[in-house]
Amino acid sequence: MAFYTAMADTIHAYTGLSPAAFFTILALMLGAYRLVSSMFVSDAPETPPMQPPPPPPEPVQLGDVTLDELRVYDGSDPKKPLLMAIKGQIYDVSRSRMFYGPGGPYALFAGRDASRALALMSFDHNDLTGNLEGLSSAELEVLQDWEYKFMEKYVKVGQLVSEKTRKNADDNECNETTTTTTEGNQDPERHKEEEIKEKDTTAETQVD
């Protein structure tokens, strides 16, 4: 009670108002301030919810692939799968684009045969090769562990072949196509010869 009396005396001394009138005016001032503030301060725009990234497409089997062909699958084209090779076997690592895609910690390995680099745990461009010469048994074991992990987690979509092997395969395919086309072109000639022989045989029979 003494506190209320002291506060009432203080309010009256400084404002000349009763406590009830003072707090009523104070409440009205606060209400007016909030109203004016809301007219000039717009609400913060709502941030749309983050959309999860679309799932990567299903892995597509590519078969034989050369090193030059593999390099276009380094993640620079988001429409292409993300591939890398270990010991000549090519794996689709699109599901781990945050690691192997552009800007990822292992982006250096994408589109390349990273066998030697993985064995040495190296990020040197010179080690981005399938050449395993000079590696110690411990380093080969490290590479083997990496290969097992890739076999368990990713889909194998092809294998690396040399340019010479690819050229020979293309030449053989071209030769087979040419042979098939030639044989197809010869069939009508054979058919005509058979028709002529049948006509001659029929004519001889009628004469007899």
N, C-alpha and C. Protein backbone atom coordinates (compact mmCIF):
# COMPACT_ATOMS: atom_id res chain seq x y z
N MET A 1 0.83 -1.20 0.00
CA MET A 1 0.00 0.00 0.00
C MET A 1 0.87 1.26 0.00
N ALA A 2 1.95 1.19 0.77
CA ALA A 2 2.86 2.33 0.82
C ALA A 2 3.49 2.59 -0.55
N PHE A 3 3.79 1.46 -1.30
CA PHE A 3 4.39 1.60 -2.64
C PHE A 3 3.43 2.29 -3.58
N TYR A 4 2.13 1.87 -3.55
CA TYR A 4 1.12 2.47 -4.43
C TYR A 4 0.95 3.95 -4.12
N THR A 5 0.95 4.27 -2.81
CA THR A 5 0.78 5.68 -2.42
C THR A 5 1.96 6.52 -2.91
N ALA A 6 3.19 5.96 -2.77
CA ALA A 6 4.37 6.69 -3.21
C ALA A 6 4.36 6.89 -4.72
N MET A 7 3.94 5.82 -5.50
CA MET A 7 3.89 5.93 -6.95
C MET A 7 2.83 6.94 -7.38
N ALA A 8 1.67 6.95 -6.69
CA ALA A 8 0.60 7.90 -7.02
C ALA A 8 1.06 9.32 -6.78
N ASP A 9 1.77 9.53 -5.67
CA ASP A 9 2.28 10.87 -5.39
C ASP A 9 3.29 11.31 -6.45
N THR A 10 4.14 10.38 -6.89
CA THR A 10 5.15 10.72 -7.90
C THR A 10 4.50 11.08 -9.23
N ILE A 11 3.50 10.26 -9.65
CA ILE A 11 2.81 10.53 -10.91
C ILE A 11 2.12 11.89 -10.85
N HIS A 12 1.46 12.18 -9.74
CA HIS A 12 0.74 13.45 -9.61
C HIS A 12 1.72 14.62 -9.60
N ALA A 13 2.90 14.40 -8.96
CA ALA A 13 3.87 15.49 -8.86
C ALA A 13 4.45 15.84 -10.23
N TYR A 14 4.69 14.83 -11.10
CA TYR A 14 5.33 15.08 -12.40
C TYR A 14 4.33 15.37 -13.52
N THR A 15 3.11 14.82 -13.41
CA THR A 15 2.14 14.97 -14.50
C THR A 15 0.89 15.74 -14.11
N GLY A 16 0.62 15.80 -12.84
CA GLY A 16 -0.62 16.44 -12.39
C GLY A 16 -1.83 15.59 -12.63
N LEU A 17 -1.61 14.29 -12.98
CA LEU A 17 -2.71 13.37 -13.26
C LEU A 17 -2.83 12.35 -12.16
N SER A 18 -4.04 11.80 -12.06
CA SER A 18 -4.23 10.68 -11.14
C SER A 18 -3.61 9.43 -11.76
N PRO A 19 -3.27 8.42 -10.94
CA PRO A 19 -2.71 7.18 -11.51
C PRO A 19 -3.60 6.56 -12.58
N ALA A 20 -4.93 6.54 -12.38
CA ALA A 20 -5.83 5.94 -13.36
C ALA A 20 -5.76 6.68 -14.69
N ALA A 21 -5.77 8.01 -14.63
CA ALA A 21 -5.70 8.79 -15.86
C ALA A 21 -4.35 8.62 -16.56
N PHE A 22 -3.28 8.55 -15.78
CA PHE A 22 -1.94 8.40 -16.36
C PHE A 22 -1.80 7.08 -17.12
N PHE A 23 -2.24 5.97 -16.50
CA PHE A 23 -2.09 4.66 -17.16
C PHE A 23 -3.04 4.52 -18.34
N THR A 24 -4.21 5.20 -18.27
CA THR A 24 -5.13 5.17 -19.42
C THR A 24 -4.50 5.86 -20.63
N ILE A 25 -3.91 7.03 -20.38
CA ILE A 25 -3.24 7.76 -21.47
C ILE A 25 -2.05 6.96 -22.01
N LEU A 26 -1.30 6.33 -21.11
CA LEU A 26 -0.14 5.53 -21.53
C LEU A 26 -0.56 4.36 -22.42
N ALA A 27 -1.68 3.69 -22.04
CA ALA A 27 -2.17 2.56 -22.85
C ALA A 27 -2.62 3.04 -24.22
N LEU A 28 -3.29 4.22 -24.27
CA LEU A 28 -3.73 4.75 -25.56
C LEU A 28 -2.54 5.10 -26.46
N MET A 29 -1.49 5.63 -25.87
CA MET A 29 -0.30 5.98 -26.65
C MET A 29 0.37 4.74 -27.22
N LEU A 30 0.47 3.69 -26.41
CA LEU A 30 1.08 2.44 -26.90
C LEU A 30 0.25 1.83 -28.03
N GLY A 31 -1.09 1.87 -27.87
CA GLY A 31 -1.96 1.34 -28.92
C GLY A 31 -1.82 2.11 -30.22
N ALA A 32 -1.74 3.44 -30.11
CA ALA A 32 -1.58 4.26 -31.31
C ALA A 32 -0.24 4.00 -31.99
N TYR A 33 0.80 3.80 -31.20
CA TYR A 33 2.13 3.52 -31.76
C TYR A 33 2.13 2.20 -32.55
N ARG A 34 1.51 1.18 -31.96
CA ARG A 34 1.47 -0.12 -32.64
C ARG A 34 0.68 -0.02 -33.94
N LEU A 35 -0.41 0.76 -33.92
CA LEU A 35 -1.24 0.90 -35.12
C LEU A 35 -0.47 1.60 -36.24
N VAL A 36 0.19 2.69 -35.90
CA VAL A 36 0.95 3.44 -36.91
C VAL A 36 2.12 2.61 -37.44
N SER A 37 2.79 1.89 -36.56
CA SER A 37 3.93 1.07 -36.97
C SER A 37 3.50 0.00 -37.96
N SER A 38 2.35 -0.61 -37.71
CA SER A 38 1.89 -1.68 -38.61
C SER A 38 1.54 -1.15 -39.99
N MET A 39 1.24 0.14 -40.10
CA MET A 39 0.89 0.71 -41.40
C MET A 39 2.11 0.94 -42.27
N PHE A 40 3.26 1.12 -41.68
CA PHE A 40 4.46 1.45 -42.45
C PHE A 40 5.46 0.30 -42.55
N VAL A 41 5.28 -0.70 -41.76
CA VAL A 41 6.20 -1.84 -41.77
C VAL A 41 5.46 -3.04 -42.33
N SER A 42 5.87 -3.50 -43.52
CA SER A 42 5.21 -4.65 -44.14
C SER A 42 5.73 -5.94 -43.53
N ASP A 43 4.88 -6.92 -43.57
CA ASP A 43 5.28 -8.23 -43.06
C ASP A 43 6.39 -8.80 -43.94
N ALA A 44 7.29 -9.50 -43.31
CA ALA A 44 8.37 -10.14 -44.05
C ALA A 44 7.79 -11.18 -44.99
N PRO A 45 8.27 -11.22 -46.24
CA PRO A 45 7.74 -12.22 -47.18
C PRO A 45 8.00 -13.63 -46.69
N GLU A 46 7.01 -14.45 -46.91
CA GLU A 46 7.16 -15.84 -46.50
C GLU A 46 8.14 -16.56 -47.42
N THR A 47 9.05 -17.25 -46.81
CA THR A 47 10.03 -18.01 -47.58
C THR A 47 9.41 -19.33 -48.01
N PRO A 48 9.36 -19.59 -49.33
CA PRO A 48 8.77 -20.86 -49.76
C PRO A 48 9.58 -22.04 -49.24
N PRO A 49 8.92 -23.11 -48.93
CA PRO A 49 9.66 -24.28 -48.43
C PRO A 49 10.64 -24.81 -49.46
N MET A 50 11.76 -25.27 -48.99
CA MET A 50 12.79 -25.81 -49.88
C MET A 50 12.28 -27.09 -50.54
N GLN A 51 12.38 -27.11 -51.86
CA GLN A 51 11.98 -28.30 -52.59
C GLN A 51 13.15 -29.27 -52.65
N PRO A 52 12.91 -30.53 -52.33
CA PRO A 52 14.02 -31.49 -52.42
C PRO A 52 14.46 -31.65 -53.86
N PRO A 53 15.75 -31.87 -54.10
CA PRO A 53 16.22 -32.04 -55.48
C PRO A 53 15.60 -33.28 -56.11
N PRO A 54 15.34 -33.23 -57.42
CA PRO A 54 14.75 -34.40 -58.07
C PRO A 54 15.68 -35.60 -57.99
N PRO A 55 15.12 -36.79 -57.88
CA PRO A 55 15.98 -37.97 -57.81
C PRO A 55 16.74 -38.16 -59.11
N PRO A 56 17.95 -38.69 -59.06
CA PRO A 56 18.71 -38.90 -60.29
C PRO A 56 18.04 -39.96 -61.16
N PRO A 57 18.22 -39.88 -62.48
CA PRO A 57 17.61 -40.89 -63.36
C PRO A 57 18.22 -42.26 -63.11
N GLU A 58 17.49 -43.26 -63.51
CA GLU A 58 17.98 -44.63 -63.35
C GLU A 58 19.25 -44.82 -64.18
N PRO A 59 20.23 -45.54 -63.64
CA PRO A 59 21.48 -45.77 -64.40
C PRO A 59 21.21 -46.47 -65.73
N VAL A 60 21.94 -46.05 -66.75
CA VAL A 60 21.82 -46.62 -68.09
C VAL A 60 23.12 -47.33 -68.44
N GLN A 61 23.00 -48.57 -68.91
CA GLN A 61 24.17 -49.34 -69.28
C GLN A 61 24.78 -48.77 -70.56
N LEU A 62 26.08 -48.47 -70.50
CA LEU A 62 26.78 -47.87 -71.64
C LEU A 62 27.69 -48.85 -72.36
N GLY A 63 28.05 -49.95 -71.71
CA GLY A 63 28.95 -50.91 -72.35
C GLY A 63 30.37 -50.41 -72.39
N ASP A 64 31.02 -50.59 -73.54
CA ASP A 64 32.42 -50.17 -73.69
C ASP A 64 32.51 -48.66 -73.86
N VAL A 65 33.40 -48.05 -73.08
CA VAL A 65 33.56 -46.59 -73.09
C VAL A 65 35.05 -46.27 -73.08
N THR A 66 35.47 -45.33 -73.90
CA THR A 66 36.88 -44.89 -73.88
C THR A 66 37.05 -43.78 -72.84
N LEU A 67 38.31 -43.48 -72.53
CA LEU A 67 38.59 -42.43 -71.55
C LEU A 67 38.05 -41.08 -72.01
N ASP A 68 38.20 -40.79 -73.30
CA ASP A 68 37.69 -39.52 -73.82
C ASP A 68 36.17 -39.45 -73.70
N GLU A 69 35.51 -40.56 -73.95
CA GLU A 69 34.05 -40.58 -73.83
C GLU A 69 33.61 -40.45 -72.38
N LEU A 70 34.40 -41.00 -71.46
CA LEU A 70 34.05 -40.94 -70.04
C LEU A 70 34.09 -39.51 -69.51
N ARG A 71 34.96 -38.69 -70.06
CA ARG A 71 35.16 -37.35 -69.51
C ARG A 71 33.96 -36.43 -69.66
N VAL A 72 33.06 -36.74 -70.58
CA VAL A 72 31.87 -35.89 -70.73
C VAL A 72 30.86 -36.14 -69.61
N TYR A 73 31.12 -37.15 -68.79
CA TYR A 73 30.22 -37.46 -67.67
C TYR A 73 30.81 -36.97 -66.34
N ASP A 74 31.40 -35.78 -66.36
CA ASP A 74 32.05 -35.23 -65.16
C ASP A 74 31.14 -34.32 -64.35
N GLY A 75 29.87 -34.24 -64.73
CA GLY A 75 28.93 -33.42 -63.99
C GLY A 75 28.74 -32.02 -64.54
N SER A 76 29.52 -31.64 -65.55
CA SER A 76 29.38 -30.30 -66.12
C SER A 76 28.04 -30.15 -66.86
N ASP A 77 27.51 -31.26 -67.36
CA ASP A 77 26.18 -31.26 -67.99
C ASP A 77 25.21 -31.95 -67.04
N PRO A 78 24.30 -31.20 -66.39
CA PRO A 78 23.40 -31.82 -65.41
C PRO A 78 22.45 -32.84 -66.01
N LYS A 79 22.31 -32.84 -67.33
CA LYS A 79 21.42 -33.80 -67.97
C LYS A 79 22.08 -35.16 -68.15
N LYS A 80 23.39 -35.21 -68.01
CA LYS A 80 24.11 -36.47 -68.18
C LYS A 80 24.38 -37.09 -66.81
N PRO A 81 24.46 -38.43 -66.74
CA PRO A 81 24.80 -39.06 -65.46
C PRO A 81 26.22 -38.73 -65.03
N LEU A 82 26.48 -38.91 -63.77
CA LEU A 82 27.80 -38.63 -63.20
C LEU A 82 28.52 -39.97 -63.06
N LEU A 83 29.63 -40.12 -63.78
CA LEU A 83 30.33 -41.41 -63.83
C LEU A 83 31.77 -41.27 -63.40
N MET A 84 32.33 -42.35 -62.87
CA MET A 84 33.77 -42.45 -62.63
C MET A 84 34.15 -43.92 -62.66
N ALA A 85 35.44 -44.16 -62.86
CA ALA A 85 35.91 -45.54 -63.05
C ALA A 85 36.92 -45.91 -61.98
N ILE A 86 36.87 -47.18 -61.60
CA ILE A 86 37.86 -47.77 -60.70
C ILE A 86 38.29 -49.10 -61.30
N LYS A 87 39.58 -49.24 -61.54
CA LYS A 87 40.14 -50.47 -62.10
C LYS A 87 39.41 -50.87 -63.38
N GLY A 88 39.12 -49.88 -64.20
CA GLY A 88 38.53 -50.14 -65.51
C GLY A 88 37.03 -50.33 -65.51
N GLN A 89 36.40 -50.36 -64.33
CA GLN A 89 34.96 -50.54 -64.24
C GLN A 89 34.30 -49.18 -63.98
N ILE A 90 33.25 -48.89 -64.73
CA ILE A 90 32.60 -47.57 -64.66
C ILE A 90 31.35 -47.66 -63.79
N TYR A 91 31.23 -46.71 -62.87
CA TYR A 91 30.09 -46.69 -61.94
C TYR A 91 29.34 -45.37 -62.07
N ASP A 92 28.02 -45.46 -61.92
CA ASP A 92 27.16 -44.28 -61.92
C ASP A 92 27.06 -43.75 -60.49
N VAL A 93 27.67 -42.58 -60.24
CA VAL A 93 27.69 -42.00 -58.89
C VAL A 93 26.75 -40.78 -58.81
N SER A 94 25.75 -40.74 -59.68
CA SER A 94 24.84 -39.60 -59.71
C SER A 94 24.13 -39.39 -58.38
N ARG A 95 23.87 -40.45 -57.64
CA ARG A 95 23.16 -40.33 -56.37
C ARG A 95 23.99 -39.60 -55.33
N SER A 96 25.30 -39.49 -55.54
CA SER A 96 26.18 -38.77 -54.62
C SER A 96 26.76 -37.53 -55.28
N ARG A 97 25.90 -36.82 -56.01
CA ARG A 97 26.35 -35.63 -56.74
C ARG A 97 26.95 -34.59 -55.80
N MET A 98 26.50 -34.52 -54.54
CA MET A 98 27.04 -33.53 -53.62
C MET A 98 28.52 -33.79 -53.32
N PHE A 99 28.96 -35.04 -53.52
CA PHE A 99 30.37 -35.37 -53.29
C PHE A 99 31.18 -35.34 -54.58
N TYR A 100 30.62 -35.92 -55.66
CA TYR A 100 31.37 -36.08 -56.90
C TYR A 100 30.99 -35.06 -57.97
N GLY A 101 29.93 -34.29 -57.74
CA GLY A 101 29.53 -33.28 -58.71
C GLY A 101 30.35 -32.01 -58.58
N PRO A 102 30.13 -31.04 -59.46
CA PRO A 102 30.88 -29.78 -59.42
C PRO A 102 30.79 -29.13 -58.03
N GLY A 103 31.94 -28.76 -57.50
CA GLY A 103 31.99 -28.14 -56.18
C GLY A 103 32.09 -29.12 -55.04
N GLY A 104 31.95 -30.41 -55.32
CA GLY A 104 32.04 -31.42 -54.27
C GLY A 104 33.49 -31.74 -53.92
N PRO A 105 33.71 -32.37 -52.77
CA PRO A 105 35.09 -32.66 -52.34
C PRO A 105 35.80 -33.65 -53.25
N TYR A 106 35.05 -34.51 -53.97
CA TYR A 106 35.67 -35.50 -54.85
C TYR A 106 35.34 -35.22 -56.32
N ALA A 107 34.99 -33.98 -56.64
CA ALA A 107 34.63 -33.64 -58.02
C ALA A 107 35.76 -33.93 -59.00
N LEU A 108 36.98 -33.91 -58.50
CA LEU A 108 38.15 -34.16 -59.35
C LEU A 108 38.10 -35.54 -60.00
N PHE A 109 37.44 -36.51 -59.32
CA PHE A 109 37.44 -37.89 -59.80
C PHE A 109 36.36 -38.15 -60.85
N ALA A 110 35.38 -37.28 -60.96
CA ALA A 110 34.26 -37.52 -61.86
C ALA A 110 34.72 -37.48 -63.31
N GLY A 111 34.21 -38.42 -64.10
CA GLY A 111 34.57 -38.49 -65.51
C GLY A 111 35.97 -39.02 -65.76
N ARG A 112 36.60 -39.58 -64.75
CA ARG A 112 37.97 -40.07 -64.89
C ARG A 112 38.10 -41.47 -64.30
N ASP A 113 39.22 -42.14 -64.65
CA ASP A 113 39.60 -43.37 -63.95
C ASP A 113 40.45 -42.93 -62.76
N ALA A 114 39.89 -43.04 -61.57
CA ALA A 114 40.54 -42.51 -60.37
C ALA A 114 41.26 -43.59 -59.57
N SER A 115 41.60 -44.71 -60.21
CA SER A 115 42.18 -45.84 -59.48
C SER A 115 43.42 -45.46 -58.69
N ARG A 116 44.39 -44.90 -59.36
CA ARG A 116 45.66 -44.58 -58.69
C ARG A 116 45.45 -43.49 -57.61
N ALA A 117 44.64 -42.49 -57.92
CA ALA A 117 44.39 -41.42 -56.96
C ALA A 117 43.73 -41.95 -55.69
N LEU A 118 42.79 -42.88 -55.84
CA LEU A 118 42.14 -43.45 -54.66
C LEU A 118 43.09 -44.31 -53.85
N ALA A 119 43.94 -45.05 -54.53
CA ALA A 119 44.91 -45.90 -53.82
C ALA A 119 45.87 -45.05 -53.00
N LEU A 120 46.25 -43.90 -53.54
CA LEU A 120 47.21 -43.02 -52.86
C LEU A 120 46.51 -41.96 -52.01
N MET A 121 45.17 -41.92 -52.07
CA MET A 121 44.41 -40.86 -51.40
C MET A 121 44.95 -39.50 -51.85
N SER A 122 45.11 -39.38 -53.16
CA SER A 122 45.75 -38.20 -53.74
C SER A 122 44.74 -37.39 -54.53
N PHE A 123 44.93 -36.05 -54.53
CA PHE A 123 44.12 -35.16 -55.33
C PHE A 123 44.96 -34.50 -56.42
N ASP A 124 46.04 -35.17 -56.78
CA ASP A 124 46.92 -34.69 -57.84
C ASP A 124 46.38 -35.14 -59.19
N HIS A 125 46.27 -34.20 -60.13
CA HIS A 125 45.76 -34.54 -61.47
C HIS A 125 46.59 -35.64 -62.13
N ASN A 126 47.87 -35.69 -61.83
CA ASN A 126 48.73 -36.70 -62.45
C ASN A 126 48.38 -38.12 -61.99
N ASP A 127 47.67 -38.23 -60.87
CA ASP A 127 47.31 -39.55 -60.36
C ASP A 127 45.93 -40.01 -60.83
N LEU A 128 45.29 -39.22 -61.68
CA LEU A 128 43.99 -39.62 -62.23
C LEU A 128 44.21 -40.55 -63.41
N THR A 129 44.55 -41.77 -63.10
CA THR A 129 44.88 -42.76 -64.12
C THR A 129 44.60 -44.16 -63.59
N GLY A 130 44.47 -45.09 -64.51
CA GLY A 130 44.29 -46.47 -64.12
C GLY A 130 45.60 -47.22 -63.97
N ASN A 131 46.72 -46.53 -64.15
CA ASN A 131 48.04 -47.15 -64.03
C ASN A 131 48.35 -47.43 -62.56
N LEU A 132 48.54 -48.70 -62.22
CA LEU A 132 48.78 -49.09 -60.83
C LEU A 132 50.23 -49.50 -60.58
N GLU A 133 51.08 -49.26 -61.55
CA GLU A 133 52.49 -49.65 -61.40
C GLU A 133 53.14 -48.89 -60.25
N GLY A 134 53.94 -49.62 -59.47
CA GLY A 134 54.69 -49.00 -58.38
C GLY A 134 53.94 -48.85 -57.08
N LEU A 135 52.67 -49.26 -57.04
CA LEU A 135 51.91 -49.15 -55.80
C LEU A 135 52.30 -50.27 -54.84
N SER A 136 52.32 -49.95 -53.56
CA SER A 136 52.64 -50.95 -52.54
C SER A 136 51.42 -51.82 -52.27
N SER A 137 51.64 -52.92 -51.56
CA SER A 137 50.54 -53.82 -51.23
C SER A 137 49.50 -53.10 -50.37
N ALA A 138 49.96 -52.23 -49.47
CA ALA A 138 49.02 -51.48 -48.62
C ALA A 138 48.16 -50.54 -49.46
N GLU A 139 48.76 -49.90 -50.44
CA GLU A 139 48.01 -48.98 -51.30
C GLU A 139 47.02 -49.73 -52.18
N LEU A 140 47.41 -50.92 -52.62
CA LEU A 140 46.49 -51.74 -53.41
C LEU A 140 45.31 -52.21 -52.56
N GLU A 141 45.56 -52.45 -51.28
CA GLU A 141 44.47 -52.83 -50.38
C GLU A 141 43.49 -51.67 -50.19
N VAL A 142 44.04 -50.46 -50.09
CA VAL A 142 43.17 -49.27 -49.99
C VAL A 142 42.28 -49.17 -51.23
N LEU A 143 42.87 -49.39 -52.40
CA LEU A 143 42.10 -49.34 -53.64
C LEU A 143 41.04 -50.43 -53.66
N GLN A 144 41.40 -51.61 -53.15
CA GLN A 144 40.44 -52.71 -53.11
C GLN A 144 39.25 -52.36 -52.23
N ASP A 145 39.51 -51.70 -51.10
CA ASP A 145 38.42 -51.27 -50.22
C ASP A 145 37.49 -50.29 -50.93
N TRP A 146 38.09 -49.36 -51.67
CA TRP A 146 37.27 -48.42 -52.44
C TRP A 146 36.41 -49.15 -53.46
N GLU A 147 37.01 -50.11 -54.13
CA GLU A 147 36.25 -50.85 -55.15
C GLU A 147 35.08 -51.59 -54.53
N TYR A 148 35.28 -52.22 -53.37
CA TYR A 148 34.19 -52.92 -52.69
C TYR A 148 33.06 -51.95 -52.33
N LYS A 149 33.43 -50.76 -51.85
CA LYS A 149 32.42 -49.77 -51.48
C LYS A 149 31.61 -49.35 -52.70
N PHE A 150 32.29 -49.16 -53.82
CA PHE A 150 31.57 -48.76 -55.03
C PHE A 150 30.68 -49.90 -55.54
N MET A 151 31.14 -51.11 -55.45
CA MET A 151 30.34 -52.25 -55.90
C MET A 151 29.07 -52.39 -55.06
N GLU A 152 29.16 -52.06 -53.77
CA GLU A 152 28.01 -52.17 -52.89
C GLU A 152 27.03 -51.01 -53.06
N LYS A 153 27.55 -49.82 -53.34
CA LYS A 153 26.71 -48.62 -53.30
C LYS A 153 26.22 -48.17 -54.67
N TYR A 154 27.02 -48.38 -55.72
CA TYR A 154 26.69 -47.82 -57.03
C TYR A 154 26.51 -48.92 -58.07
N VAL A 155 25.83 -48.53 -59.15
CA VAL A 155 25.56 -49.47 -60.25
C VAL A 155 26.67 -49.38 -61.28
N LYS A 156 27.20 -50.54 -61.65
CA LYS A 156 28.20 -50.58 -62.71
C LYS A 156 27.49 -50.43 -64.06
N VAL A 157 27.95 -49.49 -64.88
CA VAL A 157 27.26 -49.21 -66.14
C VAL A 157 28.13 -49.44 -67.37
N GLY A 158 29.37 -49.87 -67.18
CA GLY A 158 30.22 -50.11 -68.33
C GLY A 158 31.65 -50.41 -67.93
N GLN A 159 32.50 -50.49 -68.93
CA GLN A 159 33.91 -50.75 -68.69
C GLN A 159 34.75 -49.93 -69.67
N LEU A 160 35.94 -49.57 -69.22
CA LEU A 160 36.85 -48.79 -70.06
C LEU A 160 37.52 -49.67 -71.10
N VAL A 161 37.64 -49.15 -72.31
CA VAL A 161 38.38 -49.84 -73.37
C VAL A 161 39.31 -48.81 -74.01
N SER A 162 40.36 -49.31 -74.65
CA SER A 162 41.30 -48.42 -75.31
C SER A 162 40.71 -47.91 -76.62
N GLU A 163 41.29 -46.85 -77.13
CA GLU A 163 40.85 -46.30 -78.41
C GLU A 163 41.02 -47.33 -79.53
N LYS A 164 42.10 -48.12 -79.46
CA LYS A 164 42.36 -49.13 -80.48
C LYS A 164 41.28 -50.20 -80.46
N THR A 165 40.92 -50.64 -79.26
CA THR A 165 39.87 -51.66 -79.14
C THR A 165 38.55 -51.14 -79.69
N ARG A 166 38.21 -49.89 -79.35
CA ARG A 166 36.97 -49.31 -79.85
C ARG A 166 37.00 -49.20 -81.37
N LYS A 167 38.13 -48.79 -81.95
CA LYS A 167 38.23 -48.65 -83.40
C LYS A 167 38.07 -50.00 -84.09
N ASN A 168 38.71 -51.03 -83.53
CA ASN A 168 38.57 -52.36 -84.12
C ASN A 168 37.13 -52.84 -84.06
N ALA A 169 36.46 -52.57 -82.94
CA ALA A 169 35.06 -52.99 -82.80
C ALA A 169 34.18 -52.25 -83.81
N ASP A 170 34.44 -50.95 -83.99
CA ASP A 170 33.66 -50.18 -84.97
C ASP A 170 33.92 -50.67 -86.39
N ASP A 171 35.18 -51.02 -86.70
CA ASP A 171 35.50 -51.52 -88.04
C ASP A 171 34.80 -52.85 -88.29
N ASN A 172 34.81 -53.72 -87.29
CA ASN A 172 34.15 -55.02 -87.45
C ASN A 172 32.65 -54.84 -87.66
N GLU A 173 32.06 -53.92 -86.91
CA GLU A 173 30.63 -53.67 -87.06
C GLU A 173 30.32 -53.12 -88.45
N CYS A 174 31.20 -52.25 -88.94
CA CYS A 174 31.00 -51.68 -90.27
C CYS A 174 31.11 -52.76 -91.35
N ASN A 175 32.09 -53.67 -91.18
CA ASN A 175 32.25 -54.76 -92.15
C ASN A 175 31.05 -55.68 -92.16
N GLU A 176 30.52 -55.97 -90.97
CA GLU A 176 29.34 -56.84 -90.89
C GLU A 176 28.14 -56.19 -91.57
N THR A 177 28.00 -54.88 -91.37
CA THR A 177 26.88 -54.17 -92.00
C THR A 177 27.02 -54.17 -93.52
N THR A 178 28.25 -53.98 -94.00
CA THR A 178 28.49 -53.98 -95.45
C THR A 178 28.19 -55.34 -96.05
N THR A 179 28.63 -56.40 -95.36
CA THR A 179 28.40 -57.76 -95.85
C THR A 179 26.91 -58.07 -95.91
N THR A 180 26.18 -57.67 -94.86
CA THR A 180 24.74 -57.92 -94.82
C THR A 180 24.04 -57.17 -95.94
N THR A 181 24.47 -55.93 -96.19
CA THR A 181 23.86 -55.14 -97.26
C THR A 181 24.13 -55.74 -98.62
N THR A 182 25.36 -56.22 -98.83
CA THR A 182 25.73 -56.83 -100.11
C THR A 182 24.93 -58.10 -100.36
N GLU A 183 24.80 -58.90 -99.32
CA GLU A 183 24.02 -60.14 -99.46
C GLU A 183 22.57 -59.82 -99.76
N GLY A 184 22.06 -58.75 -99.13
CA GLY A 184 20.68 -58.37 -99.38
C GLY A 184 20.47 -57.90 -100.80
N ASN A 185 21.47 -57.21 -101.35
CA ASN A 185 21.37 -56.74 -102.73
C ASN A 185 21.47 -57.88 -103.73
N GLN A 186 22.14 -58.98 -103.37
CA GLN A 186 22.30 -60.11 -104.28
C GLN A 186 21.05 -60.99 -104.31
N ASP A 187 20.25 -60.93 -103.32
CA ASP A 187 19.09 -61.81 -103.26
C ASP A 187 18.14 -61.61 -104.44
N PRO A 188 17.81 -60.38 -104.85
CA PRO A 188 16.91 -60.21 -106.01
C PRO A 188 17.47 -60.82 -107.29
N GLU A 189 18.80 -60.74 -107.49
CA GLU A 189 19.41 -61.33 -108.69
C GLU A 189 19.24 -62.84 -108.68
N ARG A 190 19.48 -63.43 -107.52
CA ARG A 190 19.31 -64.88 -107.43
C ARG A 190 17.86 -65.27 -107.69
N HIS A 191 16.95 -64.45 -107.18
CA HIS A 191 15.54 -64.74 -107.37
C HIS A 191 15.17 -64.69 -108.85
N LYS A 192 15.73 -63.73 -109.60
CA LYS A 192 15.45 -63.63 -111.03
C LYS A 192 16.00 -64.84 -111.77
N GLU A 193 17.22 -65.27 -111.40
CA GLU A 193 17.81 -66.43 -112.06
C GLU A 193 16.95 -67.67 -111.83
N GLU A 194 16.45 -67.81 -110.60
CA GLU A 194 15.61 -68.98 -110.32
C GLU A 194 14.31 -68.92 -111.11
N GLU A 195 13.73 -67.73 -111.28
CA GLU A 195 12.50 -67.60 -112.06
C GLU A 195 12.74 -67.98 -113.52
N ILE A 196 13.89 -67.55 -114.08
CA ILE A 196 14.20 -67.87 -115.48
C ILE A 196 14.35 -69.38 -115.66
N LYS A 197 15.05 -70.02 -114.70
CA LYS A 197 15.23 -71.46 -114.78
C LYS A 197 13.90 -72.18 -114.71
N GLU A 198 12.99 -71.71 -113.85
CA GLU A 198 11.68 -72.35 -113.73
C GLU A 198 10.89 -72.20 -115.03
N LYS A 199 10.97 -71.02 -115.67
CA LYS A 199 10.26 -70.81 -116.93
C LYS A 199 10.79 -71.72 -118.02
N ASP A 200 12.13 -71.87 -118.10
CA ASP A 200 12.72 -72.74 -119.11
C ASP A 200 12.28 -74.18 -118.89
N THR A 201 12.26 -74.62 -117.64
CA THR A 201 11.86 -75.99 -117.34
C THR A 201 10.41 -76.21 -117.71
N THR A 202 9.55 -75.24 -117.45
CA THR A 202 8.12 -75.36 -117.77
C THR A 202 7.93 -75.42 -119.28
N ALA A 203 8.68 -74.60 -120.03
CA ALA A 203 8.55 -74.59 -121.49
C ALA A 203 8.98 -75.92 -122.08
N GLU A 204 10.07 -76.50 -121.59
CA GLU A 204 10.54 -77.79 -122.09
C GLU A 204 9.51 -78.87 -121.82
N THR A 205 8.87 -78.83 -120.69
CA THR A 205 7.86 -79.84 -120.34
C THR A 205 6.67 -79.74 -121.28
N GLN A 206 6.25 -78.53 -121.63
CA GLN A 206 5.11 -78.35 -122.51
C GLN A 206 5.43 -78.84 -123.91
N VAL A 207 6.66 -78.65 -124.40
CA VAL A 207 7.06 -79.11 -125.72
C VAL A 207 7.02 -80.62 -125.79
N ASP A 208 7.52 -81.28 -124.77
CA ASP A 208 7.52 -82.74 -124.74
C ASP A 208 6.09 -83.26 -124.74
